[in-house]
N, C-alpha and C. Protein backbone atom coordinates (compact mmCIF):
# COMPACT_ATOMS: atom_id res chain seq x y z
N MET A 1 32.78 -37.57 -3.56
CA MET A 1 32.52 -36.39 -2.95
C MET A 1 32.08 -36.91 -1.47
N SER A 2 32.49 -36.07 -0.43
CA SER A 2 32.30 -36.48 1.16
C SER A 2 30.81 -35.66 1.26
N ASP A 3 30.48 -36.14 2.50
CA ASP A 3 29.18 -35.83 2.90
C ASP A 3 29.18 -34.22 3.09
N THR A 4 30.30 -33.57 3.54
CA THR A 4 30.51 -32.19 3.97
C THR A 4 30.42 -31.46 2.57
N ASP A 5 30.91 -31.95 1.51
CA ASP A 5 30.73 -31.39 0.17
C ASP A 5 29.54 -31.39 -0.46
N ILE A 6 28.77 -32.48 -0.09
CA ILE A 6 27.38 -32.52 -0.58
C ILE A 6 26.73 -31.45 0.07
N ILE A 7 26.69 -31.37 1.45
CA ILE A 7 26.13 -30.47 2.31
C ILE A 7 26.31 -29.06 1.88
N ASN A 8 27.59 -28.87 1.60
CA ASN A 8 28.04 -27.49 1.25
C ASN A 8 27.57 -27.05 -0.23
N THR A 9 27.40 -27.92 -1.00
CA THR A 9 26.94 -27.79 -2.39
C THR A 9 25.36 -27.56 -2.26
N ALA A 10 24.77 -28.30 -1.45
CA ALA A 10 23.29 -28.19 -1.39
C ALA A 10 22.95 -26.86 -0.64
N GLN A 11 23.83 -26.24 0.37
CA GLN A 11 23.57 -25.09 0.90
C GLN A 11 23.71 -23.86 0.00
N GLN A 12 24.64 -23.98 -0.86
CA GLN A 12 25.09 -22.94 -1.92
C GLN A 12 23.67 -22.95 -2.87
N ASP A 13 23.31 -24.21 -3.28
CA ASP A 13 22.09 -24.18 -4.21
C ASP A 13 20.95 -23.40 -3.59
N PHE A 14 20.84 -23.76 -2.28
CA PHE A 14 19.63 -23.31 -1.44
C PHE A 14 19.75 -21.75 -1.52
N ASN A 15 20.96 -21.45 -0.96
CA ASN A 15 21.15 -19.77 -1.14
C ASN A 15 20.90 -19.13 -2.31
N CYS A 16 21.51 -19.87 -3.32
CA CYS A 16 21.19 -19.28 -4.91
C CYS A 16 19.62 -19.04 -5.10
N ILE A 17 18.81 -20.02 -4.81
CA ILE A 17 17.54 -20.26 -4.97
C ILE A 17 16.83 -19.17 -4.25
N SER A 18 17.14 -19.04 -3.06
CA SER A 18 16.65 -18.16 -1.96
C SER A 18 16.92 -16.73 -2.38
N LYS A 19 18.15 -16.45 -2.92
CA LYS A 19 18.29 -15.11 -3.34
C LYS A 19 17.47 -14.69 -4.56
N LYS A 20 17.24 -15.61 -5.52
CA LYS A 20 16.53 -15.43 -6.59
C LYS A 20 15.06 -15.41 -6.24
N ARG A 21 14.54 -15.94 -5.25
CA ARG A 21 13.33 -15.81 -4.82
C ARG A 21 13.00 -14.49 -4.16
N ARG A 22 14.16 -13.90 -3.32
CA ARG A 22 14.04 -12.80 -2.71
C ARG A 22 14.01 -11.50 -3.78
N ILE A 23 14.80 -11.71 -4.96
CA ILE A 23 14.74 -10.64 -5.86
C ILE A 23 13.33 -10.69 -6.54
N LEU A 24 13.14 -11.91 -6.96
CA LEU A 24 11.48 -12.06 -7.58
C LEU A 24 10.52 -11.32 -6.72
N SER A 25 10.51 -11.61 -5.33
CA SER A 25 9.57 -10.87 -4.51
C SER A 25 9.67 -9.40 -4.50
N LEU A 26 10.68 -9.01 -4.60
CA LEU A 26 11.13 -7.59 -4.50
C LEU A 26 10.56 -7.03 -5.99
N VAL A 27 10.96 -7.66 -7.15
CA VAL A 27 10.42 -7.26 -8.39
C VAL A 27 8.84 -7.11 -8.35
N LEU A 28 8.36 -8.10 -7.94
CA LEU A 28 6.79 -8.25 -7.89
C LEU A 28 6.40 -7.06 -7.15
N TYR A 29 7.01 -7.02 -5.88
CA TYR A 29 6.44 -6.03 -5.03
C TYR A 29 6.49 -4.49 -6.00
N ILE A 30 7.53 -4.17 -6.41
CA ILE A 30 7.75 -2.98 -7.23
C ILE A 30 6.65 -2.85 -8.43
N VAL A 31 6.63 -4.06 -9.03
CA VAL A 31 5.68 -3.91 -10.36
C VAL A 31 4.18 -3.95 -9.87
N ILE A 32 3.78 -4.69 -9.01
CA ILE A 32 2.39 -4.74 -8.64
C ILE A 32 2.05 -3.26 -7.63
N THR A 33 2.96 -2.75 -7.01
CA THR A 33 2.71 -1.45 -6.24
C THR A 33 2.56 -0.42 -7.51
N ALA A 34 3.41 -0.50 -8.51
CA ALA A 34 3.51 0.52 -9.47
C ALA A 34 2.05 0.43 -10.43
N VAL A 35 1.68 -0.77 -10.53
CA VAL A 35 0.28 -1.01 -11.32
C VAL A 35 -0.86 -0.47 -10.68
N LEU A 36 -1.02 -0.78 -9.46
CA LEU A 36 -1.94 -0.24 -8.35
C LEU A 36 -1.84 1.21 -8.21
N THR A 37 -0.63 1.79 -8.26
CA THR A 37 -0.54 3.23 -8.33
C THR A 37 -1.06 3.80 -9.32
N GLN A 38 -0.70 3.30 -10.61
CA GLN A 38 -1.14 3.82 -11.85
C GLN A 38 -2.79 3.75 -12.04
N ILE A 39 -3.30 2.70 -11.49
CA ILE A 39 -4.67 2.46 -11.49
C ILE A 39 -5.23 3.72 -10.87
N ASP A 40 -4.81 4.13 -9.46
CA ASP A 40 -5.20 5.09 -8.66
C ASP A 40 -5.12 6.45 -9.56
N GLN A 41 -3.93 6.70 -10.03
CA GLN A 41 -3.71 7.97 -10.88
C GLN A 41 -4.62 8.04 -11.94
N VAL A 42 -4.84 6.96 -12.74
CA VAL A 42 -5.80 7.08 -14.00
C VAL A 42 -7.24 7.38 -13.46
N THR A 43 -7.71 6.80 -12.33
CA THR A 43 -8.96 7.02 -11.77
C THR A 43 -9.12 8.44 -11.36
N LYS A 44 -8.18 8.96 -10.68
CA LYS A 44 -8.06 10.52 -10.42
C LYS A 44 -8.21 11.26 -11.48
N TYR A 45 -7.39 11.11 -12.56
CA TYR A 45 -7.49 11.85 -13.72
C TYR A 45 -8.68 11.97 -14.63
N ILE A 46 -9.22 10.68 -14.59
CA ILE A 46 -10.61 10.59 -15.18
C ILE A 46 -11.73 11.54 -14.47
N ALA A 47 -11.59 11.25 -13.07
CA ALA A 47 -12.39 12.15 -12.09
C ALA A 47 -12.27 13.58 -12.36
N GLU A 48 -11.04 13.91 -12.42
CA GLU A 48 -10.84 15.35 -12.62
C GLU A 48 -11.37 15.86 -13.81
N GLN A 49 -11.21 15.14 -14.86
CA GLN A 49 -11.64 15.53 -16.35
C GLN A 49 -13.19 15.49 -16.47
N ARG A 50 -13.65 14.53 -15.65
CA ARG A 50 -15.24 14.43 -15.82
C ARG A 50 -16.04 14.99 -14.76
N LEU A 51 -15.36 15.43 -13.56
CA LEU A 51 -16.22 15.71 -12.67
C LEU A 51 -15.76 17.34 -12.05
N TYR A 52 -14.73 17.71 -12.40
CA TYR A 52 -14.40 19.02 -12.05
C TYR A 52 -15.31 20.10 -12.34
N ASN A 53 -15.83 20.89 -11.26
CA ASN A 53 -16.79 22.00 -11.68
C ASN A 53 -17.92 21.48 -12.33
N LYS A 54 -18.47 20.15 -11.92
CA LYS A 54 -19.64 19.47 -12.52
C LYS A 54 -20.44 18.93 -11.49
N PRO A 55 -21.76 18.81 -11.75
CA PRO A 55 -22.57 18.25 -10.70
C PRO A 55 -22.09 16.73 -10.36
N ASP A 56 -22.54 16.32 -9.22
CA ASP A 56 -22.20 14.87 -8.99
C ASP A 56 -22.64 13.97 -9.94
N PHE A 57 -21.92 12.81 -10.28
CA PHE A 57 -22.46 11.91 -10.94
C PHE A 57 -23.08 10.88 -10.15
N VAL A 58 -24.32 10.62 -10.14
CA VAL A 58 -24.88 9.79 -9.25
C VAL A 58 -24.96 8.25 -9.72
N ILE A 59 -24.31 7.30 -8.88
CA ILE A 59 -24.44 6.03 -9.28
C ILE A 59 -25.50 5.26 -8.77
N ILE A 60 -25.84 5.50 -7.42
CA ILE A 60 -26.97 4.97 -6.80
C ILE A 60 -27.47 6.15 -5.90
N LYS A 61 -28.70 6.56 -6.34
CA LYS A 61 -29.23 7.85 -5.83
C LYS A 61 -29.33 7.86 -4.33
N ASP A 62 -28.71 8.87 -3.64
CA ASP A 62 -28.59 9.11 -2.16
C ASP A 62 -27.73 7.98 -1.65
N VAL A 63 -27.11 7.14 -2.29
CA VAL A 63 -26.26 6.19 -1.71
C VAL A 63 -24.78 6.23 -2.11
N LEU A 64 -24.40 6.39 -3.48
CA LEU A 64 -23.13 6.30 -4.03
C LEU A 64 -22.95 7.41 -5.03
N HIS A 65 -22.34 8.34 -4.83
CA HIS A 65 -22.03 9.42 -5.99
C HIS A 65 -20.62 9.66 -6.32
N LEU A 66 -20.26 10.29 -7.32
CA LEU A 66 -18.88 10.68 -7.69
C LEU A 66 -18.87 12.01 -7.77
N THR A 67 -18.04 12.59 -6.87
CA THR A 67 -18.12 14.21 -6.72
C THR A 67 -16.54 14.58 -6.68
N TYR A 68 -15.94 15.47 -7.31
CA TYR A 68 -14.72 15.85 -7.35
C TYR A 68 -14.23 16.76 -6.31
N LEU A 69 -13.29 16.58 -5.42
CA LEU A 69 -13.01 17.31 -4.21
C LEU A 69 -11.44 17.31 -4.21
N ARG A 70 -10.83 18.46 -3.90
CA ARG A 70 -9.23 18.61 -3.76
C ARG A 70 -9.17 18.79 -2.29
N ASN A 71 -8.42 17.83 -1.74
CA ASN A 71 -8.06 17.63 -0.20
C ASN A 71 -6.68 18.11 -0.02
N ASN A 72 -6.57 19.27 0.72
CA ASN A 72 -5.13 19.72 1.13
C ASN A 72 -4.65 18.98 2.39
N GLY A 73 -5.52 18.11 3.00
CA GLY A 73 -5.02 17.48 4.14
C GLY A 73 -4.85 15.92 3.99
N SER A 74 -4.93 15.38 5.37
CA SER A 74 -4.74 13.89 5.07
C SER A 74 -6.42 13.30 5.19
N ALA A 75 -6.44 12.15 5.68
CA ALA A 75 -7.84 11.62 5.92
C ALA A 75 -8.84 12.40 6.45
N PHE A 76 -9.96 12.63 5.80
CA PHE A 76 -11.06 13.32 6.31
C PHE A 76 -10.75 14.90 6.36
N GLY A 77 -9.52 15.38 5.62
CA GLY A 77 -8.97 16.74 5.52
C GLY A 77 -8.53 17.24 6.60
N MET A 78 -8.14 16.28 7.71
CA MET A 78 -7.24 16.75 8.71
C MET A 78 -5.88 17.16 8.39
N PHE A 79 -5.37 18.01 9.26
CA PHE A 79 -3.93 18.51 8.90
C PHE A 79 -3.82 19.20 7.64
N SER A 80 -4.68 20.14 7.29
CA SER A 80 -4.59 20.65 6.08
C SER A 80 -3.57 21.66 6.00
N GLY A 81 -2.89 21.76 4.75
CA GLY A 81 -1.62 22.51 4.61
C GLY A 81 -0.36 22.02 5.25
N LYS A 82 -0.42 20.80 5.84
CA LYS A 82 0.96 20.36 6.40
C LYS A 82 1.59 19.45 5.18
N ILE A 83 1.70 20.00 3.99
CA ILE A 83 2.27 19.08 2.82
C ILE A 83 3.57 18.59 3.17
N ASN A 84 4.49 19.15 3.70
CA ASN A 84 5.85 18.81 4.07
C ASN A 84 6.04 17.52 4.96
N ALA A 85 5.19 17.72 6.08
CA ALA A 85 5.08 16.69 6.90
C ALA A 85 4.75 15.46 6.31
N PHE A 86 3.64 15.59 5.60
CA PHE A 86 3.13 14.25 4.74
C PHE A 86 4.17 13.74 4.00
N LEU A 87 5.00 14.48 3.09
CA LEU A 87 6.03 13.87 2.26
C LEU A 87 7.03 13.21 2.90
N VAL A 88 7.47 13.76 4.23
CA VAL A 88 8.37 13.04 5.06
C VAL A 88 8.05 11.88 5.47
N LEU A 89 6.73 11.96 6.04
CA LEU A 89 6.09 10.74 6.66
C LEU A 89 5.96 9.54 5.55
N THR A 90 5.64 10.06 4.40
CA THR A 90 5.32 9.19 3.32
C THR A 90 6.59 8.37 2.87
N VAL A 91 7.56 9.19 2.74
CA VAL A 91 8.94 8.53 2.43
C VAL A 91 9.43 7.66 3.46
N ILE A 92 9.36 7.94 4.59
CA ILE A 92 9.52 6.98 5.89
C ILE A 92 8.89 5.85 5.77
N MET A 93 7.49 6.03 5.64
CA MET A 93 6.60 4.75 5.52
C MET A 93 6.90 3.86 4.49
N ILE A 94 7.34 4.33 3.18
CA ILE A 94 7.52 3.54 2.05
C ILE A 94 9.00 2.78 2.44
N CYS A 95 9.94 3.39 3.12
CA CYS A 95 11.06 2.84 3.64
C CYS A 95 10.97 1.57 4.42
N LEU A 96 9.91 1.85 5.44
CA LEU A 96 9.62 0.88 6.28
C LEU A 96 8.82 -0.30 5.78
N ILE A 97 7.87 0.01 4.78
CA ILE A 97 7.23 -1.18 4.10
C ILE A 97 8.14 -2.04 3.22
N THR A 98 9.11 -1.24 2.56
CA THR A 98 9.98 -2.06 1.74
C THR A 98 11.04 -2.80 2.73
N TYR A 99 11.39 -2.45 3.82
CA TYR A 99 12.09 -3.05 4.62
C TYR A 99 11.47 -4.37 5.12
N VAL A 100 9.93 -4.13 5.44
CA VAL A 100 9.29 -5.31 5.79
C VAL A 100 9.24 -6.47 4.68
N VAL A 101 8.99 -5.91 3.44
CA VAL A 101 8.79 -6.83 2.32
C VAL A 101 10.31 -7.60 2.20
N LEU A 102 11.34 -6.94 2.19
CA LEU A 102 12.66 -7.58 2.15
C LEU A 102 13.02 -8.41 2.98
N LYS A 103 12.34 -8.36 4.39
CA LYS A 103 12.49 -9.31 5.68
C LYS A 103 11.74 -10.37 5.57
N THR A 104 10.59 -10.18 5.07
CA THR A 104 9.29 -11.16 5.21
C THR A 104 9.72 -12.53 4.58
N PRO A 105 9.72 -13.57 5.40
CA PRO A 105 10.02 -15.02 4.86
C PRO A 105 9.20 -15.24 3.60
N LEU A 106 9.86 -15.95 2.73
CA LEU A 106 9.28 -16.38 1.46
C LEU A 106 8.22 -17.69 1.66
N ILE A 107 7.45 -17.76 2.63
CA ILE A 107 6.70 -18.83 2.80
C ILE A 107 5.03 -18.40 2.73
N ARG A 108 4.30 -19.42 2.64
CA ARG A 108 2.68 -19.08 2.37
C ARG A 108 2.26 -18.41 3.57
N LYS A 109 2.79 -18.81 4.62
CA LYS A 109 2.16 -18.14 6.07
C LYS A 109 2.25 -16.42 5.84
N TYR A 110 3.35 -15.95 5.19
CA TYR A 110 3.35 -14.62 5.23
C TYR A 110 2.98 -13.87 3.96
N ILE A 111 2.19 -14.38 3.03
CA ILE A 111 1.60 -13.98 1.86
C ILE A 111 0.65 -12.79 2.25
N PRO A 112 -0.13 -12.93 3.30
CA PRO A 112 -0.88 -11.72 3.63
C PRO A 112 -0.19 -10.52 3.94
N VAL A 113 1.00 -10.69 4.67
CA VAL A 113 1.64 -9.57 4.93
C VAL A 113 2.26 -8.83 3.63
N TYR A 114 2.84 -9.67 2.92
CA TYR A 114 3.24 -9.20 1.42
C TYR A 114 2.04 -8.47 0.84
N ILE A 115 0.89 -8.87 0.83
CA ILE A 115 -0.21 -8.08 0.01
C ILE A 115 -0.43 -6.84 0.82
N THR A 116 -0.41 -7.04 1.93
CA THR A 116 -0.56 -5.68 2.91
C THR A 116 0.25 -4.72 2.60
N CYS A 117 1.52 -5.08 2.47
CA CYS A 117 2.42 -4.17 2.28
C CYS A 117 2.40 -3.45 0.92
N ILE A 118 2.00 -4.26 -0.12
CA ILE A 118 1.80 -3.88 -1.45
C ILE A 118 0.63 -2.84 -1.60
N LEU A 119 -0.51 -3.11 -0.91
CA LEU A 119 -1.58 -2.16 -0.79
C LEU A 119 -1.38 -0.94 -0.04
N LEU A 120 -0.74 -1.08 0.84
CA LEU A 120 -0.40 0.29 1.77
C LEU A 120 0.64 1.00 0.93
N ALA A 121 1.61 0.50 0.42
CA ALA A 121 2.63 1.22 -0.52
C ALA A 121 1.98 1.81 -1.73
N ALA A 122 1.04 1.22 -2.31
CA ALA A 122 0.45 1.75 -3.54
C ALA A 122 -0.38 2.90 -3.06
N GLY A 123 -1.28 2.86 -1.93
CA GLY A 123 -1.93 3.94 -1.47
C GLY A 123 -1.14 5.07 -1.03
N ALA A 124 -0.15 4.93 -0.35
CA ALA A 124 0.81 5.93 0.05
C ALA A 124 1.31 6.73 -1.09
N ILE A 125 2.00 5.89 -2.03
CA ILE A 125 2.43 6.27 -3.10
C ILE A 125 1.67 7.07 -4.04
N GLY A 126 0.27 6.69 -4.29
CA GLY A 126 -0.71 7.35 -5.04
C GLY A 126 -1.04 8.75 -4.55
N ASN A 127 -1.19 8.93 -3.13
CA ASN A 127 -1.70 10.16 -2.53
C ASN A 127 -0.33 11.13 -2.51
N PHE A 128 0.78 10.47 -2.48
CA PHE A 128 2.14 11.24 -2.39
C PHE A 128 2.18 11.86 -3.76
N ILE A 129 2.21 11.22 -4.77
CA ILE A 129 2.13 11.58 -6.21
C ILE A 129 1.40 13.00 -6.26
N ASP A 130 0.17 12.76 -6.03
CA ASP A 130 -0.80 14.07 -5.87
C ASP A 130 -0.37 15.25 -5.30
N ARG A 131 0.20 14.91 -3.80
CA ARG A 131 0.81 16.00 -3.09
C ARG A 131 1.91 16.65 -3.57
N VAL A 132 2.79 15.94 -4.18
CA VAL A 132 4.06 16.44 -4.91
C VAL A 132 3.69 17.29 -6.01
N ARG A 133 2.93 16.52 -6.90
CA ARG A 133 2.69 17.36 -8.30
C ARG A 133 1.77 18.32 -8.10
N LEU A 134 0.60 18.26 -7.38
CA LEU A 134 -0.39 19.11 -7.26
C LEU A 134 -0.73 20.08 -5.94
N GLY A 135 0.01 19.58 -5.05
CA GLY A 135 -0.33 20.24 -3.55
C GLY A 135 -1.32 19.82 -2.78
N TYR A 136 -2.14 18.81 -3.46
CA TYR A 136 -3.46 18.50 -2.85
C TYR A 136 -3.78 17.06 -3.49
N VAL A 137 -4.70 16.33 -2.86
CA VAL A 137 -5.01 14.81 -3.23
C VAL A 137 -6.51 14.95 -3.93
N ARG A 138 -6.55 14.34 -5.00
CA ARG A 138 -7.86 14.29 -5.76
C ARG A 138 -8.70 13.29 -5.19
N ASP A 139 -9.75 13.61 -4.67
CA ASP A 139 -10.90 12.72 -3.97
C ASP A 139 -12.14 12.77 -4.91
N PHE A 140 -12.81 11.62 -5.03
CA PHE A 140 -14.11 11.65 -5.93
C PHE A 140 -15.19 10.56 -5.60
N ILE A 141 -14.69 9.70 -4.64
CA ILE A 141 -15.85 8.78 -4.10
C ILE A 141 -16.69 9.26 -3.08
N TYR A 142 -17.94 9.10 -2.93
CA TYR A 142 -18.67 9.84 -1.90
C TYR A 142 -19.86 8.81 -1.54
N PHE A 143 -19.84 8.41 -0.35
CA PHE A 143 -20.88 7.52 0.22
C PHE A 143 -21.98 8.58 0.69
N LYS A 144 -22.95 8.88 0.00
CA LYS A 144 -23.84 9.92 0.51
C LYS A 144 -24.73 9.38 1.70
N ILE A 145 -25.09 8.14 1.74
CA ILE A 145 -25.97 7.65 2.59
C ILE A 145 -25.63 7.64 3.96
N ILE A 146 -24.07 7.71 4.15
CA ILE A 146 -23.63 7.96 5.56
C ILE A 146 -23.01 9.12 5.76
N ASN A 147 -22.83 9.98 4.75
CA ASN A 147 -22.28 11.24 4.78
C ASN A 147 -20.58 11.04 5.00
N PHE A 148 -20.00 10.07 4.28
CA PHE A 148 -18.67 9.69 4.54
C PHE A 148 -18.01 10.60 3.84
N PRO A 149 -16.64 10.93 4.28
CA PRO A 149 -15.71 12.07 3.67
C PRO A 149 -15.46 11.39 2.08
N VAL A 150 -15.14 12.28 1.29
CA VAL A 150 -14.93 11.85 -0.07
C VAL A 150 -13.64 11.42 0.03
N PHE A 151 -13.37 10.10 -0.94
CA PHE A 151 -12.00 9.46 -0.90
C PHE A 151 -11.65 9.03 -2.38
N ASN A 152 -10.56 8.41 -2.47
CA ASN A 152 -10.16 7.76 -3.71
C ASN A 152 -9.60 6.46 -3.75
N ILE A 153 -9.06 5.89 -4.83
CA ILE A 153 -8.83 4.56 -4.70
C ILE A 153 -7.59 4.23 -3.86
N ALA A 154 -6.57 5.34 -3.87
CA ALA A 154 -5.36 5.01 -2.88
C ALA A 154 -5.93 4.99 -1.42
N ASP A 155 -6.90 5.73 -1.10
CA ASP A 155 -7.49 5.67 0.27
C ASP A 155 -7.89 4.42 0.44
N CYS A 156 -8.60 3.73 -0.63
CA CYS A 156 -9.00 2.25 -0.48
C CYS A 156 -8.11 1.30 -0.11
N TYR A 157 -6.84 1.43 -0.86
CA TYR A 157 -5.92 0.54 -0.82
C TYR A 157 -5.35 0.68 0.78
N VAL A 158 -5.18 1.72 1.37
CA VAL A 158 -4.95 2.06 2.57
C VAL A 158 -5.75 1.55 3.57
N THR A 159 -6.80 1.83 3.54
CA THR A 159 -7.97 1.16 4.38
C THR A 159 -8.16 -0.33 4.46
N VAL A 160 -7.94 -1.01 3.25
CA VAL A 160 -8.16 -2.27 3.13
C VAL A 160 -6.83 -3.02 3.59
N SER A 161 -5.67 -2.40 3.47
CA SER A 161 -4.32 -3.09 4.04
C SER A 161 -4.51 -2.59 5.40
N VAL A 162 -4.94 -1.69 6.09
CA VAL A 162 -5.04 -1.57 7.64
C VAL A 162 -5.99 -2.64 8.18
N ILE A 163 -7.31 -2.97 7.46
CA ILE A 163 -8.08 -3.82 7.98
C ILE A 163 -7.40 -5.35 7.88
N ILE A 164 -6.81 -5.61 6.94
CA ILE A 164 -6.04 -6.74 6.85
C ILE A 164 -5.14 -6.88 7.84
N PHE A 165 -4.36 -5.83 8.06
CA PHE A 165 -3.24 -6.00 9.19
C PHE A 165 -3.87 -6.20 10.36
N ILE A 166 -4.83 -5.63 10.89
CA ILE A 166 -5.79 -5.92 12.13
C ILE A 166 -6.17 -7.27 12.26
N ILE A 167 -6.87 -7.69 11.03
CA ILE A 167 -7.28 -9.18 11.25
C ILE A 167 -6.08 -10.14 11.46
N LEU A 168 -5.05 -9.71 10.70
CA LEU A 168 -3.76 -10.72 10.79
C LEU A 168 -3.26 -10.60 12.30
N ILE A 169 -2.99 -9.47 12.80
CA ILE A 169 -2.62 -9.40 14.41
C ILE A 169 -3.60 -9.92 15.15
N LEU A 170 -4.83 -9.88 15.03
CA LEU A 170 -5.93 -10.43 15.99
C LEU A 170 -6.12 -11.93 15.86
N PHE A 171 -5.89 -12.47 14.64
CA PHE A 171 -6.39 -13.81 14.31
C PHE A 171 -5.44 -14.82 13.65
N VAL A 172 -4.45 -14.36 13.18
CA VAL A 172 -3.49 -15.04 12.40
C VAL A 172 -2.12 -15.18 13.07
N TYR A 173 -1.41 -14.29 13.20
CA TYR A 173 -0.12 -14.09 13.95
C TYR A 173 -0.14 -13.72 15.33
N LYS A 174 -0.57 -14.87 16.02
CA LYS A 174 -0.84 -14.62 17.62
C LYS A 174 0.53 -14.80 18.44
N ASN A 175 1.38 -15.60 17.77
CA ASN A 175 2.61 -16.07 18.64
C ASN A 175 3.68 -15.02 18.64
N GLU A 176 4.30 -14.90 19.74
CA GLU A 176 5.27 -13.80 20.18
C GLU A 176 6.34 -13.90 18.85
N ASP A 177 6.64 -14.89 18.26
CA ASP A 177 7.75 -15.00 17.49
C ASP A 177 7.33 -14.95 15.98
N ASP A 178 6.04 -14.66 15.66
CA ASP A 178 5.50 -14.64 14.31
C ASP A 178 6.13 -13.25 13.51
N PHE A 179 6.48 -12.21 14.16
CA PHE A 179 7.19 -11.23 13.52
C PHE A 179 8.76 -11.04 13.84
N ALA A 180 9.22 -12.10 14.43
CA ALA A 180 10.85 -12.18 14.91
C ALA A 180 11.62 -11.79 13.70
N PHE A 181 11.18 -12.16 12.31
CA PHE A 181 11.78 -11.84 11.31
C PHE A 181 12.19 -10.14 11.01
N LEU A 182 11.31 -9.45 11.53
CA LEU A 182 11.60 -7.94 11.52
C LEU A 182 12.56 -7.33 12.42
N SER A 183 13.00 -8.27 13.36
CA SER A 183 14.17 -7.90 14.39
C SER A 183 15.32 -7.46 13.57
N LEU A 184 15.95 -6.16 14.03
CA LEU A 184 17.18 -5.64 13.60
C LEU A 184 18.38 -6.62 13.87
N LYS A 185 18.37 -7.53 15.04
CA LYS A 185 19.41 -8.49 15.40
C LYS A 185 19.20 -9.63 14.53
N LYS A 186 20.43 -10.13 13.98
CA LYS A 186 20.73 -11.12 13.26
C LYS A 186 20.51 -12.41 13.94
């Protein structure tokens, strides 16, 4: 066997392993996103069953309450009644997130990007399901101490993913080529 044959065989083996890792990465993204979305939906269902038309459930007096609220808008009730716009934006966002997951290099350096994508997708899908199925989003967590708007688990996923993304941009991925893998050019 010549050196060229050995190199070609090694390259084929690497491509096969790389393709399997890429498929595994996509499957994990789908499964973990589905599990997190299900957790969001279950908590919303329980909140609706236990809190709808009932007084707040006080966890920490004057600090943290569970209260049921139907939100027709987006964050903090903004853009109420614009459900079609939300649906279109959510589909576009999920497509973009999936594109990032597919393009992200499968190395340790980019695990935070992968986690951020999973959290963002789960949050977007969780609230998307409510909007499509019910026409509103079910919120139930209320920080009374700061009078923060009522929110849900999907909102937590989105908020945490945005915070992680900001930290990554500010402190981790500072080089110009850190996101070159997202380029449409080959």
